[in-house]
Amino acid sequence: MIAIIDYKAGNTCSVQNALKRLNADYELTDDPVKIRKADKVIFPGVGHARAAMDILNEKGLVSVIKSLNQPLLGICLGMQLLCAYSEESSTNCLKIIPLHAMRFENSTSEYKVPHMGWNTLQNAKDPLFKGLGLDNHCYFVHSYYVPESDYTIATTNYIQNFSSGIRKDNFTGVQFHPEKSGKVGEIIIKNFLHE
């Protein structure tokens, strides 16, 4: 069973729909016991870092998430919350991966913030991306990014290169929305489900 962590993130319905299309057994839950017992965990995210961390703390889910040993996939804000810190409202995050989420520079005529729309994955070097071709477009919506580091498993360029995928042990995060990324996203979700 796949547990989708329920903390009022904005993209839970689209994640559920993607799993339904794949006939995956899942449950949207904030129950620590169910999350700990799940085979896989999806940590979705559309929202504000500080508000999200407040909800996770209120629900007692911070220690639950940090203690997980099964594969976890953080999506968008879910990926950023795996980091130590976000510049969004100077938020201390889960501190699972020792990285910081930074704000993109101000909008220009060429680059608007938030980064919204289709962009390509580059240097995708992880089993999560197995079976992808050379031209992999994914759907992004974000104003904050995680810089490249030793934890980077894929990059994307918008204003500068940034981490579109990160991994530490059983914790993986993607900045884009695989559930909204068509066939490429479907392959990535399937890879996670079979990890």
C-alpha atoms as a PDB file:
ATOM      1  CA  MET A   1       0.000   0.000   0.000  1.00  0.00           C
ATOM      2  CA  ILE A   2       1.149   3.545  -0.810  1.00  0.00           C
ATOM      3  CA  ALA A   3       0.496   6.215   1.807  1.00  0.00           C
ATOM      4  CA  ILE A   4      -0.023   9.754   0.508  1.00  0.00           C
ATOM      5  CA  ILE A   5       0.728  12.068   3.417  1.00  0.00           C
ATOM      6  CA  ASP A   6      -2.336  14.223   4.086  1.00  0.00           C
ATOM      7  CA  TYR A   7      -1.304  17.661   5.267  1.00  0.00           C
ATOM      8  CA  LYS A   8      -3.653  19.733   3.070  1.00  0.00           C
ATOM      9  CA  ALA A   9      -1.178  20.037   0.181  1.00  0.00           C
ATOM     10  CA  GLY A  10      -2.695  21.411  -3.008  1.00  0.00           C
ATOM     11  CA  ASN A  11      -1.830  18.566  -5.383  1.00  0.00           C
ATOM     12  CA  THR A  12      -3.150  15.528  -3.512  1.00  0.00           C
ATOM     13  CA  CYS A  13      -6.083  15.027  -5.916  1.00  0.00           C
ATOM     14  CA  SER A  14      -3.820  14.944  -8.967  1.00  0.00           C
ATOM     15  CA  VAL A  15      -1.482  12.476  -7.212  1.00  0.00           C
ATOM     16  CA  GLN A  16      -4.463  10.276  -6.348  1.00  0.00           C
ATOM     17  CA  ASN A  17      -5.688  10.420  -9.948  1.00  0.00           C
ATOM     18  CA  ALA A  18      -2.241   9.413 -11.251  1.00  0.00           C
ATOM     19  CA  LEU A  19      -2.161   6.411  -8.904  1.00  0.00           C
ATOM     20  CA  LYS A  20      -5.707   5.445  -9.927  1.00  0.00           C
ATOM     21  CA  ARG A  21      -4.636   5.422 -13.578  1.00  0.00           C
ATOM     22  CA  LEU A  22      -1.866   2.987 -12.611  1.00  0.00           C
ATOM     23  CA  ASN A  23      -4.258   0.818 -10.553  1.00  0.00           C
ATOM     24  CA  ALA A  24      -2.064   1.371  -7.501  1.00  0.00           C
ATOM     25  CA  ASP A  25      -3.316   0.636  -3.989  1.00  0.00           C
ATOM     26  CA  TYR A  26      -3.062   3.884  -2.010  1.00  0.00           C
ATOM     27  CA  GLU A  27      -4.547   5.801   0.899  1.00  0.00           C
ATOM     28  CA  LEU A  28      -4.514   9.523   1.670  1.00  0.00           C
ATOM     29  CA  THR A  29      -3.776   9.612   5.388  1.00  0.00           C
ATOM     30  CA  ASP A  30      -2.308  11.552   8.288  1.00  0.00           C
ATOM     31  CA  ASP A  31      -2.330   8.485  10.542  1.00  0.00           C
ATOM     32  CA  PRO A  32       1.243   7.851  11.766  1.00  0.00           C
ATOM     33  CA  VAL A  33       0.622   4.087  12.088  1.00  0.00           C
ATOM     34  CA  LYS A  34      -0.615   3.779   8.489  1.00  0.00           C
ATOM     35  CA  ILE A  35       2.233   5.926   7.176  1.00  0.00           C
ATOM     36  CA  ARG A  36       4.833   3.842   9.019  1.00  0.00           C
ATOM     37  CA  LYS A  37       3.282   0.565   7.793  1.00  0.00           C
ATOM     38  CA  ALA A  38       3.023   1.645   4.138  1.00  0.00           C
ATOM     39  CA  ASP A  39       5.229  -0.001   1.514  1.00  0.00           C
ATOM     40  CA  LYS A  40       5.908   3.388  -0.111  1.00  0.00           C
ATOM     41  CA  VAL A  41       5.149   6.971   0.900  1.00  0.00           C
ATOM     42  CA  ILE A  42       4.373   9.948  -1.313  1.00  0.00           C
ATOM     43  CA  PHE A  43       4.899  13.387   0.209  1.00  0.00           C
ATOM     44  CA  PRO A  44       3.036  15.762  -2.125  1.00  0.00           C
ATOM     45  CA  GLY A  45       3.199  19.504  -2.065  1.00  0.00           C
ATOM     46  CA  VAL A  46       1.760  22.685  -3.406  1.00  0.00           C
ATOM     47  CA  GLY A  47       1.653  25.493  -0.897  1.00  0.00           C
ATOM     48  CA  HIS A  48       3.740  27.590   1.472  1.00  0.00           C
ATOM     49  CA  ALA A  49       6.739  26.157   3.333  1.00  0.00           C
ATOM     50  CA  ARG A  50       6.035  27.738   6.743  1.00  0.00           C
ATOM     51  CA  ALA A  51       2.320  26.864   6.673  1.00  0.00           C
ATOM     52  CA  ALA A  52       3.138  23.306   5.587  1.00  0.00           C
ATOM     53  CA  MET A  53       5.658  22.814   8.400  1.00  0.00           C
ATOM     54  CA  ASP A  54       3.154  24.229  10.911  1.00  0.00           C
ATOM     55  CA  ILE A  55       0.578  21.631   9.808  1.00  0.00           C
ATOM     56  CA  LEU A  56       3.122  18.806   9.908  1.00  0.00           C
ATOM     57  CA  ASN A  57       4.081  19.832  13.446  1.00  0.00           C
ATOM     58  CA  GLU A  58       0.440  20.145  14.551  1.00  0.00           C
ATOM     59  CA  LYS A  59      -0.316  16.663  13.215  1.00  0.00           C
ATOM     60  CA  GLY A  60       2.794  15.169  14.837  1.00  0.00           C
ATOM     61  CA  LEU A  61       4.116  14.064  11.440  1.00  0.00           C
ATOM     62  CA  VAL A  62       7.628  15.551  11.532  1.00  0.00           C
ATOM     63  CA  SER A  63       9.135  12.744  13.587  1.00  0.00           C
ATOM     64  CA  VAL A  64       7.080  10.176  11.643  1.00  0.00           C
ATOM     65  CA  ILE A  65       8.467  11.300   8.271  1.00  0.00           C
ATOM     66  CA  LYS A  66      12.038  11.520   9.563  1.00  0.00           C
ATOM     67  CA  SER A  67      11.841   7.968  10.950  1.00  0.00           C
ATOM     68  CA  LEU A  68      10.702   6.285   7.717  1.00  0.00           C
ATOM     69  CA  ASN A  69      12.836   3.521   6.214  1.00  0.00           C
ATOM     70  CA  GLN A  70      10.695   2.705   3.171  1.00  0.00           C
ATOM     71  CA  PRO A  71      10.993   4.633  -0.120  1.00  0.00           C
ATOM     72  CA  LEU A  72       9.522   8.138   0.082  1.00  0.00           C
ATOM     73  CA  LEU A  73       8.947  10.450  -2.879  1.00  0.00           C
ATOM     74  CA  GLY A  74       8.633  14.162  -2.164  1.00  0.00           C
ATOM     75  CA  ILE A  75       6.969  16.217  -4.909  1.00  0.00           C
ATOM     76  CA  CYS A  76       7.556  19.978  -5.421  1.00  0.00           C
ATOM     77  CA  LEU A  77       7.124  21.547  -1.954  1.00  0.00           C
ATOM     78  CA  GLY A  78       7.368  18.005  -0.581  1.00  0.00           C
ATOM     79  CA  MET A  79      10.892  17.839  -1.993  1.00  0.00           C
ATOM     80  CA  GLN A  80      11.848  21.238  -0.560  1.00  0.00           C
ATOM     81  CA  LEU A  81      10.540  20.266   2.877  1.00  0.00           C
ATOM     82  CA  LEU A  82      12.970  17.337   2.949  1.00  0.00           C
ATOM     83  CA  CYS A  83      15.728  19.960   3.094  1.00  0.00           C
ATOM     84  CA  ALA A  84      17.078  21.704   6.173  1.00  0.00           C
ATOM     85  CA  TYR A  85      15.802  25.193   5.390  1.00  0.00           C
ATOM     86  CA  SER A  86      13.724  27.219   2.953  1.00  0.00           C
ATOM     87  CA  GLU A  87      14.097  30.920   2.247  1.00  0.00           C
ATOM     88  CA  GLU A  88      10.300  31.036   2.035  1.00  0.00           C
ATOM     89  CA  SER A  89       9.440  32.826   5.299  1.00  0.00           C
ATOM     90  CA  SER A  90      12.830  31.670   6.697  1.00  0.00           C
ATOM     91  CA  THR A  91      11.436  28.211   7.401  1.00  0.00           C
ATOM     92  CA  ASN A  92      13.247  25.409   9.196  1.00  0.00           C
ATOM     93  CA  CYS A  93      12.247  22.231   7.370  1.00  0.00           C
ATOM     94  CA  LEU A  94      12.631  18.502   8.071  1.00  0.00           C
ATOM     95  CA  LYS A  95      16.460  18.471   7.920  1.00  0.00           C
ATOM     96  CA  ILE A  96      16.546  15.049   6.230  1.00  0.00           C
ATOM     97  CA  ILE A  97      18.788  16.279   3.401  1.00  0.00           C
ATOM     98  CA  PRO A  98      21.271  19.042   4.341  1.00  0.00           C
ATOM     99  CA  LEU A  99      20.278  21.499   1.612  1.00  0.00           C
ATOM    100  CA  HIS A 100      18.569  24.879   1.403  1.00  0.00           C
ATOM    101  CA  ALA A 101      15.681  25.897  -0.854  1.00  0.00           C
ATOM    102  CA  MET A 102      16.478  29.305  -2.347  1.00  0.00           C
ATOM    103  CA  ARG A 103      14.232  31.884  -4.002  1.00  0.00           C
ATOM    104  CA  PHE A 104      14.636  32.522  -7.711  1.00  0.00           C
ATOM    105  CA  GLU A 105      15.829  36.007  -8.584  1.00  0.00           C
ATOM    106  CA  ASN A 106      13.145  38.556  -9.469  1.00  0.00           C
ATOM    107  CA  SER A 107      11.187  38.138 -12.693  1.00  0.00           C
ATOM    108  CA  THR A 108      12.656  39.496 -15.913  1.00  0.00           C
ATOM    109  CA  SER A 109      11.182  39.771 -19.386  1.00  0.00           C
ATOM    110  CA  GLU A 110      12.862  36.456 -20.233  1.00  0.00           C
ATOM    111  CA  TYR A 111      12.363  34.593 -16.946  1.00  0.00           C
ATOM    112  CA  LYS A 112       9.154  34.925 -14.962  1.00  0.00           C
ATOM    113  CA  VAL A 113       8.870  33.821 -11.342  1.00  0.00           C
ATOM    114  CA  PRO A 114       7.277  31.464 -10.535  1.00  0.00           C
ATOM    115  CA  HIS A 115       8.877  29.053 -12.995  1.00  0.00           C
ATOM    116  CA  MET A 116       5.708  27.606 -14.467  1.00  0.00           C
ATOM    117  CA  GLY A 117       5.275  25.209 -17.362  1.00  0.00           C
ATOM    118  CA  TRP A 118       7.193  22.523 -19.208  1.00  0.00           C
ATOM    119  CA  ASN A 119      10.954  22.183 -18.940  1.00  0.00           C
ATOM    120  CA  THR A 120      13.502  19.444 -19.553  1.00  0.00           C
ATOM    121  CA  LEU A 121      15.261  17.071 -17.196  1.00  0.00           C
ATOM    122  CA  GLN A 122      19.011  16.857 -17.663  1.00  0.00           C
ATOM    123  CA  ASN A 123      21.621  14.546 -16.147  1.00  0.00           C
ATOM    124  CA  ALA A 124      18.877  12.217 -14.901  1.00  0.00           C
ATOM    125  CA  LYS A 125      21.086   9.601 -13.243  1.00  0.00           C
ATOM    126  CA  ASP A 126      18.974   7.540 -10.905  1.00  0.00           C
ATOM    127  CA  PRO A 127      16.801   4.404 -11.122  1.00  0.00           C
ATOM    128  CA  LEU A 128      13.811   6.742 -10.686  1.00  0.00           C
ATOM    129  CA  PHE A 129      14.394   7.843 -14.297  1.00  0.00           C
ATOM    130  CA  LYS A 130      14.945   4.392 -15.793  1.00  0.00           C
ATOM    131  CA  GLY A 131      13.468   4.003 -19.281  1.00  0.00           C
ATOM    132  CA  LEU A 132      13.298   7.701 -20.128  1.00  0.00           C
ATOM    133  CA  GLY A 133      14.472   8.938 -23.509  1.00  0.00           C
ATOM    134  CA  LEU A 134      16.695  11.931 -24.207  1.00  0.00           C
ATOM    135  CA  ASP A 135      14.033  14.650 -24.408  1.00  0.00           C
ATOM    136  CA  ASN A 136      12.114  14.478 -21.140  1.00  0.00           C
ATOM    137  CA  HIS A 137       9.734  17.349 -20.495  1.00  0.00           C
ATOM    138  CA  CYS A 138       8.155  17.681 -17.059  1.00  0.00           C
ATOM    139  CA  TYR A 139       5.723  20.187 -15.589  1.00  0.00           C
ATOM    140  CA  PHE A 140       7.031  22.704 -13.026  1.00  0.00           C
ATOM    141  CA  VAL A 141       5.353  25.302 -10.793  1.00  0.00           C
ATOM    142  CA  HIS A 142       7.694  26.827  -8.196  1.00  0.00           C
ATOM    143  CA  SER A 143       9.318  30.046  -6.983  1.00  0.00           C
ATOM    144  CA  TYR A 144      11.989  28.333  -4.870  1.00  0.00           C
ATOM    145  CA  TYR A 145      14.667  25.897  -5.981  1.00  0.00           C
ATOM    146  CA  VAL A 146      17.289  23.608  -4.491  1.00  0.00           C
ATOM    147  CA  PRO A 147      20.823  24.243  -5.833  1.00  0.00           C
ATOM    148  CA  GLU A 148      22.914  21.467  -7.351  1.00  0.00           C
ATOM    149  CA  SER A 149      24.814  19.342  -4.826  1.00  0.00           C
ATOM    150  CA  ASP A 150      26.145  15.844  -4.210  1.00  0.00           C
ATOM    151  CA  TYR A 151      22.505  14.829  -3.587  1.00  0.00           C
ATOM    152  CA  THR A 152      21.356  15.928  -7.058  1.00  0.00           C
ATOM    153  CA  ILE A 153      20.020  13.161  -9.319  1.00  0.00           C
ATOM    154  CA  ALA A 154      18.641  15.409 -12.099  1.00  0.00           C
ATOM    155  CA  THR A 155      18.982  19.039 -13.099  1.00  0.00           C
ATOM    156  CA  THR A 156      16.903  21.594 -14.979  1.00  0.00           C
ATOM    157  CA  ASN A 157      17.844  25.047 -16.211  1.00  0.00           C
ATOM    158  CA  TYR A 158      15.721  28.096 -15.454  1.00  0.00           C
ATOM    159  CA  ILE A 159      17.702  31.276 -14.738  1.00  0.00           C
ATOM    160  CA  GLN A 160      20.425  28.828 -13.625  1.00  0.00           C
ATOM    161  CA  ASN A 161      20.812  25.088 -13.227  1.00  0.00           C
ATOM    162  CA  PHE A 162      19.000  23.702 -10.198  1.00  0.00           C
ATOM    163  CA  SER A 163      18.169  20.288  -8.747  1.00  0.00           C
ATOM    164  CA  SER A 164      15.032  18.882 -10.327  1.00  0.00           C
ATOM    165  CA  GLY A 165      15.680  15.652  -8.411  1.00  0.00           C
ATOM    166  CA  ILE A 166      17.486  14.849  -5.168  1.00  0.00           C
ATOM    167  CA  ARG A 167      18.101  11.666  -3.184  1.00  0.00           C
ATOM    168  CA  LYS A 168      19.491  10.666   0.185  1.00  0.00           C
ATOM    169  CA  ASP A 169      19.109   6.995   1.136  1.00  0.00           C
ATOM    170  CA  ASN A 170      15.384   6.116   0.915  1.00  0.00           C
ATOM    171  CA  PHE A 171      14.299   9.765   0.548  1.00  0.00           C
ATOM    172  CA  THR A 172      13.861  11.025  -3.021  1.00  0.00           C
ATOM    173  CA  GLY A 173      12.454  14.342  -4.159  1.00  0.00           C
ATOM    174  CA  VAL A 174      11.460  15.853  -7.489  1.00  0.00           C
ATOM    175  CA  GLN A 175      10.840  19.551  -8.030  1.00  0.00           C
ATOM    176  CA  PHE A 176       8.451  18.956 -10.934  1.00  0.00           C
ATOM    177  CA  HIS A 177       5.024  17.329 -10.832  1.00  0.00           C
ATOM    178  CA  PRO A 178       5.255  13.792 -12.231  1.00  0.00           C
ATOM    179  CA  GLU A 179       1.499  13.429 -11.781  1.00  0.00           C
ATOM    180  CA  LYS A 180       1.035  16.269 -14.314  1.00  0.00           C
ATOM    181  CA  SER A 181       3.908  15.348 -16.639  1.00  0.00           C
ATOM    182  CA  GLY A 182       2.209  12.983 -19.080  1.00  0.00           C
ATOM    183  CA  LYS A 183       4.003   9.836 -20.180  1.00  0.00           C
ATOM    184  CA  VAL A 184       7.350  10.894 -18.696  1.00  0.00           C
ATOM    185  CA  GLY A 185       5.725  11.420 -15.297  1.00  0.00           C
ATOM    186  CA  GLU A 186       3.901   8.108 -15.543  1.00  0.00           C
ATOM    187  CA  ILE A 187       7.206   6.285 -16.125  1.00  0.00           C
ATOM    188  CA  ILE A 188       8.750   8.050 -13.117  1.00  0.00           C
ATOM    189  CA  ILE A 189       5.819   7.154 -10.837  1.00  0.00           C
ATOM    190  CA  LYS A 190       5.928   3.527 -12.049  1.00  0.00           C
ATOM    191  CA  ASN A 191       9.665   3.414 -11.333  1.00  0.00           C
ATOM    192  CA  PHE A 192       9.027   4.671  -7.811  1.00  0.00           C
ATOM    193  CA  LEU A 193       6.250   2.139  -7.248  1.00  0.00           C
ATOM    194  CA  HIS A 194       8.585  -0.685  -8.304  1.00  0.00           C
ATOM    195  CA  GLU A 195      11.660   0.608  -6.466  1.00  0.00           C
END
